[in-house]
């Protein structure tokens, strides 16, 4: 673990306390450093810490269509989400043809 902490430029003691549950999950910044150092998927590590990438969060809150898509997936599964995505793609295509 010390090697990981050093490679990620994170204090070893802090990382150890996070691992043993004495500290809460790390910040997004620390998680991203760890994911890069360990060559792991950042989104998976963020999810394990009950966090969402700040850029994704901003995109979701500023795009109602994204919220609608995610809610459909959560409530009805991926086929309903695909249906909504297809509708949005069709609208985008129609808007482009009208321009």
Protein backbone atom coordinates (compact mmCIF):
# COMPACT_ATOMS: atom_id res chain seq x y z
CA UNK A 1 0.00 0.00 0.00
CA UNK A 2 2.88 2.36 0.69
CA UNK A 3 4.00 2.03 -2.95
CA UNK A 4 0.51 2.92 -4.18
CA UNK A 5 0.33 5.92 -1.86
CA UNK A 6 3.74 7.12 -3.00
CA UNK A 7 2.91 6.63 -6.69
CA UNK A 8 -0.39 8.48 -6.30
CA UNK A 9 1.26 11.16 -4.14
CA UNK A 10 -1.14 10.46 -1.27
CA UNK A 11 -0.17 10.28 2.37
CA UNK A 12 0.23 6.63 3.34
CA UNK A 13 -1.29 7.11 6.81
CA UNK A 14 -4.35 8.77 5.33
CA UNK A 15 -4.79 6.02 2.74
CA UNK A 16 -4.42 3.34 5.41
CA UNK A 17 -7.13 4.98 7.54
CA UNK A 18 -9.46 5.17 4.54
CA UNK A 19 -8.83 1.50 3.78
CA UNK A 20 -9.58 0.42 7.35
CA UNK A 21 -12.71 2.54 7.56
CA UNK A 22 -11.38 4.99 10.13
CA UNK A 23 -11.75 7.80 7.57
CA UNK A 24 -14.65 8.30 5.15
CA UNK A 25 -14.17 7.63 1.43
CA UNK A 26 -11.64 9.97 -0.16
CA UNK A 27 -12.42 12.99 -2.31
CA UNK A 28 -12.99 12.74 -6.03
CA UNK A 29 -9.47 14.09 -6.59
CA UNK A 30 -7.88 11.33 -4.50
CA UNK A 31 -10.04 8.66 -6.13
CA UNK A 32 -8.99 9.85 -9.58
CA UNK A 33 -5.32 9.72 -8.56
CA UNK A 34 -5.77 6.19 -7.25
CA UNK A 35 -7.62 5.04 -10.35
CA UNK A 36 -4.82 6.35 -12.56
CA UNK A 37 -2.09 4.82 -10.38
CA UNK A 38 -3.82 1.45 -10.12
CA UNK A 39 -5.07 1.53 -13.73
CA UNK A 40 -8.66 1.00 -12.57
CA UNK A 41 -11.87 2.48 -13.91
CA UNK A 42 -12.40 5.84 -12.20
CA UNK A 43 -16.19 5.62 -12.46
CA UNK A 44 -16.22 2.26 -10.69
CA UNK A 45 -14.06 3.58 -7.86
CA UNK A 46 -16.20 6.70 -7.57
CA UNK A 47 -19.33 4.54 -7.42
CA UNK A 48 -17.82 2.45 -4.63
CA UNK A 49 -17.38 5.69 -2.69
CA UNK A 50 -20.96 6.79 -3.53
CA UNK A 51 -19.64 9.65 -5.64
CA UNK A 52 -20.11 10.83 -9.20
CA UNK A 53 -17.51 12.61 -11.31
CA UNK A 54 -18.10 16.37 -10.97
CA UNK A 55 -18.23 16.86 -14.75
CA UNK A 56 -20.87 14.13 -15.10
CA UNK A 57 -22.87 15.62 -12.25
CA UNK A 58 -22.78 19.05 -13.90
CA UNK A 59 -23.85 17.56 -17.24
CA UNK A 60 -26.79 15.76 -15.64
CA UNK A 61 -28.07 18.76 -13.71
CA UNK A 62 -27.77 21.03 -16.74
CA UNK A 63 -29.44 18.61 -19.20
CA UNK A 64 -32.97 17.48 -18.33
CA UNK A 65 -32.77 14.93 -21.13
CA UNK A 66 -29.92 13.17 -19.36
CA UNK A 67 -31.93 13.06 -16.15
CA UNK A 68 -34.93 11.68 -18.03
CA UNK A 69 -32.76 9.01 -19.63
CA UNK A 70 -31.21 7.91 -16.34
CA UNK A 71 -34.56 7.89 -14.56
CA UNK A 72 -36.06 5.72 -17.30
CA UNK A 73 -33.16 3.29 -17.02
CA UNK A 74 -33.49 3.16 -13.22
CA UNK A 75 -37.28 2.72 -13.26
CA UNK A 76 -37.81 0.61 -16.39
CA UNK A 77 -34.47 -0.81 -17.46
CA UNK A 78 -32.14 -0.25 -20.40
CA UNK A 79 -34.71 -0.92 -23.12
CA UNK A 80 -36.81 2.07 -22.01
CA UNK A 81 -33.66 4.20 -21.79
CA UNK A 82 -32.75 3.16 -25.34
CA UNK A 83 -36.23 4.15 -26.50
CA UNK A 84 -35.78 7.62 -24.99
CA UNK A 85 -32.28 7.93 -26.41
CA UNK A 86 -33.57 6.99 -29.85
CA UNK A 87 -36.27 9.67 -29.55
CA UNK A 88 -33.67 12.29 -28.60
CA UNK A 89 -31.43 11.22 -31.49
CA UNK A 90 -34.36 11.54 -33.89
CA UNK A 91 -35.12 15.05 -32.59
CA UNK A 92 -31.48 16.04 -33.05
CA UNK A 93 -31.48 14.65 -36.60
CA UNK A 94 -34.73 16.49 -37.41
CA UNK A 95 -33.35 19.75 -35.98
CA UNK A 96 -30.18 19.38 -38.07
CA UNK A 97 -32.17 18.78 -41.25
CA UNK A 98 -34.30 21.87 -40.61
CA UNK A 99 -31.19 24.05 -40.30
